[in-house]
C-alpha cells in the first residue's frame, strides 16, 4: 500500500476498476487440494494472477525439543515468495515481511486446529508464492487452511481469507496490484465462517470509521465466497480419493461406480 501517485486510472467514469471489475467483484479464484504426493496435505491456489502452493507435514515430533509444548501441538508456518514471483527479482531468503506473514498465518491457523490432541508435536505448514499480484497473504492463508484439511488435521473449521481496501477514494474488495500499490488502504481479513470469528485483521493506510466498517463487511462477504470454493475443492478431493479406493480394491469388493 504505497499511497503513491500514478497516471493509471484506478476507477473509470463507469465505476469500473483497472481490470474491469466493479468495487464489489472479486478476482477469479481456483483451488485444488492434494496436489503434492509427498506432503501429508497440500493445496494450490490461483487467485487472479496470484499462484500459491501450500504443503503440510505432520503432526510429527517437534524439533528442536526445547520448543515442544507438553499440552498441545505447535503450528509453524513458513511463508516464502519465490525469487521469480515478482517482476523485479526478489532477493532469496526470509525478510521482515515474510516473517510477519508467517507469524500471523501460524496464529490464525492455531485458532482452528485442535492442537490439544497432539502434545509435543509440530504441524509444519509451508506456503510458497510462485507468482505474486497483490493479496498473497490472503491467498496463502486460504491455501494453508485447505492443505491442513487435506492432511486430515482435526480443525474446528476452515479459515477463509480475503482483503478489502480503498483506491481512488472508493472502498472495494480484493485489491489488485495497481490498487494495492497506489491505493489509500488495505484490510486483509482471516475469517472462520462457522463461528463468525475473525482470526486475522490488519490495516495499512487511512480510513474513516464508515469506510473501515464498509471495507470489513466487504472482506467478510468475500471470505464467505472463498469458503464455498475451499469446501468445493475438498469435496472434489474426497470424491477422487473414494474413487481411487474403489478402483484399487480387490475384485468382488469394489463398489458400483455410477
Protein backbone atom coordinates (compact mmCIF):
# COMPACT_ATOMS: atom_id res chain seq x y z
CA UNK A 1 0.00 0.00 0.00
CA UNK A 2 2.22 2.74 -1.29
CA UNK A 3 -0.16 5.70 -1.48
CA UNK A 4 1.96 6.91 -4.40
CA UNK A 5 0.69 8.99 -7.30
CA UNK A 6 0.09 7.37 -10.68
CA UNK A 7 -1.26 8.14 -14.12
CA UNK A 8 -3.22 4.88 -14.07
CA UNK A 9 -6.97 5.43 -13.80
CA UNK A 10 -7.94 3.17 -10.92
CA UNK A 11 -11.68 3.86 -11.35
CA UNK A 12 -13.20 4.92 -14.66
CA UNK A 13 -16.31 7.03 -15.30
CA UNK A 14 -18.47 3.87 -15.27
CA UNK A 15 -17.23 2.82 -11.83
CA UNK A 16 -15.07 0.05 -13.28
CA UNK A 17 -11.64 -0.82 -11.94
CA UNK A 18 -8.38 -1.29 -13.87
CA UNK A 19 -9.21 -4.92 -14.69
CA UNK A 20 -12.88 -4.21 -15.44
CA UNK A 21 -14.32 -5.33 -12.11
CA UNK A 22 -16.87 -3.47 -10.02
CA UNK A 23 -15.85 -2.46 -6.46
CA UNK A 24 -17.81 -5.45 -5.07
CA UNK A 25 -16.37 -8.00 -7.51
CA UNK A 26 -13.54 -10.40 -6.65
CA UNK A 27 -10.89 -11.77 -8.96
CA UNK A 28 -11.36 -15.33 -10.29
CA UNK A 29 -10.40 -17.93 -7.69
CA UNK A 30 -9.42 -21.55 -8.30
CA UNK A 31 -8.43 -24.01 -5.55
CA UNK A 32 -7.17 -27.57 -5.92
CA UNK A 33 -6.45 -29.86 -2.97
CA UNK A 34 -3.98 -32.74 -2.81
CA UNK A 35 -1.55 -31.60 -5.49
CA UNK A 36 1.65 -32.91 -3.83
CA UNK A 37 2.12 -36.65 -3.27
CA UNK A 38 4.99 -36.42 -0.77
CA UNK A 39 3.23 -33.99 1.60
CA UNK A 40 0.65 -35.07 4.17
CA UNK A 41 -1.65 -32.41 2.76
CA UNK A 42 -1.40 -29.78 0.06
CA UNK A 43 -3.30 -27.18 -1.92
CA UNK A 44 -2.78 -24.97 -4.95
CA UNK A 45 -4.49 -21.59 -5.33
CA UNK A 46 -4.81 -19.36 -8.36
CA UNK A 47 -6.36 -16.05 -7.34
CA UNK A 48 -6.31 -13.54 -10.16
CA UNK A 49 -2.66 -13.59 -11.22
CA UNK A 50 -1.50 -14.97 -7.86
CA UNK A 51 -0.25 -18.56 -7.84
CA UNK A 52 0.33 -20.08 -4.40
CA UNK A 53 1.25 -23.58 -3.25
CA UNK A 54 0.82 -24.83 0.34
CA UNK A 55 2.10 -28.07 1.89
CA UNK A 56 1.52 -29.56 5.36
CA UNK A 57 3.69 -32.09 7.18
CA UNK A 58 2.60 -33.62 10.47
CA UNK A 59 1.55 -33.80 13.17
CA UNK A 60 5.04 -35.09 13.92
CA UNK A 61 7.52 -34.85 16.78
CA UNK A 62 8.58 -31.26 17.31
CA UNK A 63 12.26 -30.48 16.84
CA UNK A 64 14.25 -28.98 18.45
CA UNK A 65 12.83 -30.47 21.62
CA UNK A 66 13.08 -27.30 23.67
CA UNK A 67 10.23 -25.91 21.50
CA UNK A 68 7.87 -28.74 22.46
CA UNK A 69 4.70 -27.87 24.35
CA UNK A 70 3.65 -30.71 26.70
CA UNK A 71 -0.05 -29.81 26.36
CA UNK A 72 -0.52 -29.04 22.66
CA UNK A 73 0.96 -29.05 19.18
CA UNK A 74 2.85 -26.14 17.71
CA UNK A 75 1.56 -24.88 14.36
CA UNK A 76 4.53 -23.50 12.46
CA UNK A 77 4.15 -21.70 9.17
CA UNK A 78 6.84 -20.63 6.75
CA UNK A 79 5.69 -18.16 4.07
CA UNK A 80 8.08 -17.50 1.22
CA UNK A 81 7.96 -15.62 -2.05
CA UNK A 82 9.99 -17.23 -4.82
CA UNK A 83 12.67 -15.02 -6.34
CA UNK A 84 10.85 -15.17 -9.69
CA UNK A 85 7.39 -14.41 -8.24
CA UNK A 86 7.57 -10.66 -8.94
CA UNK A 87 8.67 -8.52 -11.90
CA UNK A 88 11.82 -7.32 -10.18
CA UNK A 89 13.66 -10.42 -8.99
CA UNK A 90 13.21 -10.80 -5.25
CA UNK A 91 16.26 -11.46 -3.11
CA UNK A 92 16.06 -15.09 -1.97
CA UNK A 93 15.58 -15.90 1.71
CA UNK A 94 13.41 -14.58 4.53
CA UNK A 95 12.78 -10.89 5.06
CA UNK A 96 10.75 -8.92 7.60
CA UNK A 97 7.57 -9.12 5.54
CA UNK A 98 7.74 -12.89 5.07
CA UNK A 99 8.48 -13.37 8.78
CA UNK A 100 5.47 -11.22 9.70
CA UNK A 101 3.14 -13.12 7.35
CA UNK A 102 4.49 -16.45 8.62
CA UNK A 103 3.68 -15.40 12.19
CA UNK A 104 0.14 -14.15 11.56
CA UNK A 105 -0.66 -17.20 9.43
CA UNK A 106 0.53 -19.52 12.21
CA UNK A 107 -1.60 -17.66 14.75
CA UNK A 108 -4.70 -17.74 12.55
CA UNK A 109 -4.39 -21.48 11.90
CA UNK A 110 -3.60 -22.27 15.55
CA UNK A 111 -7.01 -20.86 16.45
CA UNK A 112 -8.89 -23.51 14.44
CA UNK A 113 -6.63 -26.58 14.81
CA UNK A 114 -7.32 -28.91 17.75
CA UNK A 115 -3.73 -28.57 18.91
CA UNK A 116 -4.56 -30.17 22.28
CA UNK A 117 -4.91 -33.53 20.51
CA UNK A 118 -1.18 -33.62 19.71
CA UNK A 119 1.01 -32.69 22.69
CA UNK A 120 4.73 -32.20 22.00
CA UNK A 121 4.06 -32.31 18.26
CA UNK A 122 4.62 -29.91 15.41
CA UNK A 123 2.35 -29.24 12.44
CA UNK A 124 4.51 -27.64 9.76
CA UNK A 125 2.90 -25.51 7.06
CA UNK A 126 4.84 -24.24 4.06
CA UNK A 127 3.42 -21.54 1.80
CA UNK A 128 5.28 -20.80 -1.42
CA UNK A 129 4.23 -17.87 -3.60
CA UNK A 130 5.09 -18.79 -7.19
CA UNK A 131 3.58 -15.66 -8.74
CA UNK A 132 2.51 -12.53 -6.87
CA UNK A 133 -0.04 -9.91 -7.82
CA UNK A 134 -1.33 -8.41 -4.52
CA UNK A 135 -3.19 -10.29 -1.80
CA UNK A 136 -0.67 -13.09 -1.36
CA UNK A 137 -1.13 -13.29 2.42
CA UNK A 138 -4.85 -13.96 1.93
CA UNK A 139 -4.17 -16.48 -0.84
CA UNK A 140 -1.51 -18.15 1.32
CA UNK A 141 -3.77 -18.47 4.37
CA UNK A 142 -6.59 -19.78 2.19
CA UNK A 143 -4.30 -22.40 0.65
CA UNK A 144 -2.78 -23.38 4.00
CA UNK A 145 -6.21 -23.99 5.51
CA UNK A 146 -7.21 -26.32 2.66
CA UNK A 147 -3.86 -28.13 2.92
CA UNK A 148 -4.43 -28.75 6.65
CA UNK A 149 -7.85 -30.22 5.94
CA UNK A 150 -6.37 -32.34 3.14
CA UNK A 151 -3.82 -33.68 5.65
CA UNK A 152 -6.65 -34.79 7.93
CA UNK A 153 -5.64 -32.44 10.74
CA UNK A 154 -8.65 -32.02 13.10
CA UNK A 155 -9.98 -28.46 12.80
CA UNK A 156 -12.95 -26.51 14.12
CA UNK A 157 -13.46 -25.09 10.64
CA UNK A 158 -11.54 -23.78 7.67
CA UNK A 159 -10.07 -20.29 7.71
CA UNK A 160 -11.10 -18.25 4.67
CA UNK A 161 -9.26 -15.06 3.85
CA UNK A 162 -9.96 -12.02 1.70
CA UNK A 163 -8.96 -8.35 1.72
CA UNK A 164 -10.76 -5.09 1.12
CA UNK A 165 -9.33 -1.62 0.77
CA UNK A 166 -9.63 1.80 -0.74
CA UNK A 167 -8.31 3.14 -4.03
CA UNK A 168 -9.15 6.39 -5.84
CA UNK A 169 -11.45 7.22 -2.92
CA UNK A 170 -13.58 4.11 -3.42
CA UNK A 171 -13.87 1.22 -0.94
CA UNK A 172 -13.50 -2.10 -2.78
CA UNK A 173 -12.89 -5.79 -2.23
CA UNK A 174 -9.88 -7.90 -3.28
CA UNK A 175 -7.39 -5.28 -4.40
CA UNK A 176 -5.30 -5.94 -7.49
CA UNK A 177 -1.66 -4.98 -7.94
CA UNK A 178 -2.25 -1.39 -9.11
CA UNK A 179 -4.86 -0.76 -6.42
CA UNK A 180 -2.57 -2.17 -3.76
CA UNK A 181 0.41 -0.11 -4.96
CA UNK A 182 -1.36 3.20 -5.49
CA UNK A 183 -4.42 2.93 -3.23
CA UNK A 184 -5.04 4.50 0.14
CA UNK A 185 -5.73 1.49 2.39
CA UNK A 186 -5.73 -2.29 2.61
CA UNK A 187 -7.57 -4.56 5.10
CA UNK A 188 -6.67 -8.29 4.95
CA UNK A 189 -9.06 -10.48 6.95
CA UNK A 190 -8.99 -14.11 8.08
CA UNK A 191 -12.47 -15.40 8.94
CA UNK A 192 -13.95 -18.59 10.41
CA UNK A 193 -17.45 -18.81 8.87
CA UNK A 194 -18.91 -21.41 11.21
CA UNK A 195 -18.19 -19.39 14.37
CA UNK A 196 -18.08 -15.97 12.64
CA UNK A 197 -14.74 -15.25 14.31
CA UNK A 198 -12.06 -13.03 12.84
CA UNK A 199 -8.65 -14.64 13.35
CA UNK A 200 -6.63 -12.22 11.24
CA UNK A 201 -7.20 -8.49 10.88
CA UNK A 202 -4.68 -5.92 9.73
CA UNK A 203 -4.87 -2.49 8.19
CA UNK A 204 -2.38 -0.49 6.20
CA UNK A 205 -3.36 3.08 5.31
CA UNK A 206 -6.02 5.54 6.43
CA UNK A 207 -9.80 5.04 6.50
CA UNK A 208 -12.70 6.79 8.16
CA UNK A 209 -14.83 4.80 10.58
CA UNK A 210 -17.57 4.35 7.97
CA UNK A 211 -15.05 3.33 5.30
CA UNK A 212 -13.46 0.82 7.66
CA UNK A 213 -16.85 -0.67 8.56
CA UNK A 214 -17.83 -0.95 4.90
CA UNK A 215 -14.48 -2.45 3.96
CA UNK A 216 -14.60 -5.02 6.77
CA UNK A 217 -18.11 -6.05 5.71
CA UNK A 218 -16.97 -6.46 2.10
CA UNK A 219 -13.96 -8.52 3.18
CA UNK A 220 -16.12 -10.86 5.29
CA UNK A 221 -18.54 -11.36 2.41
CA UNK A 222 -15.51 -12.14 0.25
CA UNK A 223 -14.33 -14.68 2.84
CA UNK A 224 -17.69 -16.42 2.67
CA UNK A 225 -17.32 -16.79 -1.10
CA UNK A 226 -13.78 -18.11 -0.63
CA UNK A 227 -15.09 -20.59 1.96
CA UNK A 228 -17.54 -22.08 -0.55
CA UNK A 229 -14.71 -22.60 -3.06
CA UNK A 230 -12.49 -24.15 -0.37
CA UNK A 231 -15.21 -26.65 0.51
CA UNK A 232 -15.80 -27.49 -3.15
CA UNK A 233 -12.07 -28.20 -3.58
CA UNK A 234 -12.04 -30.54 -0.58
CA UNK A 235 -15.23 -32.24 -1.74
CA UNK A 236 -13.66 -32.96 -5.13
CA UNK A 237 -10.56 -34.28 -3.37
CA UNK A 238 -12.65 -36.58 -1.17
CA UNK A 239 -14.59 -37.90 -4.16
CA UNK A 240 -11.35 -38.55 -6.06
CA UNK A 241 -9.89 -40.44 -3.08
CA UNK A 242 -13.07 -42.53 -2.76
CA UNK A 243 -12.97 -43.39 -6.45
CA UNK A 244 -9.28 -44.35 -6.26
CA UNK A 245 -10.03 -46.57 -3.27
CA UNK A 246 -12.87 -48.34 -5.07
CA UNK A 247 -10.83 -48.87 -8.24
CA UNK A 248 -7.89 -50.21 -6.21
CA UNK A 249 -9.98 -52.59 -4.10
CA UNK A 250 -9.73 -56.39 -4.66
CA UNK A 251 -12.12 -57.95 -7.19
CA UNK A 252 -15.50 -58.62 -5.61
CA UNK A 253 -15.03 -55.87 -3.05
CA UNK A 254 -15.37 -52.89 -5.42
CA UNK A 255 -18.49 -50.83 -5.11
CA UNK A 256 -20.53 -49.92 -8.13
CA UNK A 257 -19.30 -46.61 -9.52
CA UNK A 258 -22.01 -44.52 -11.12
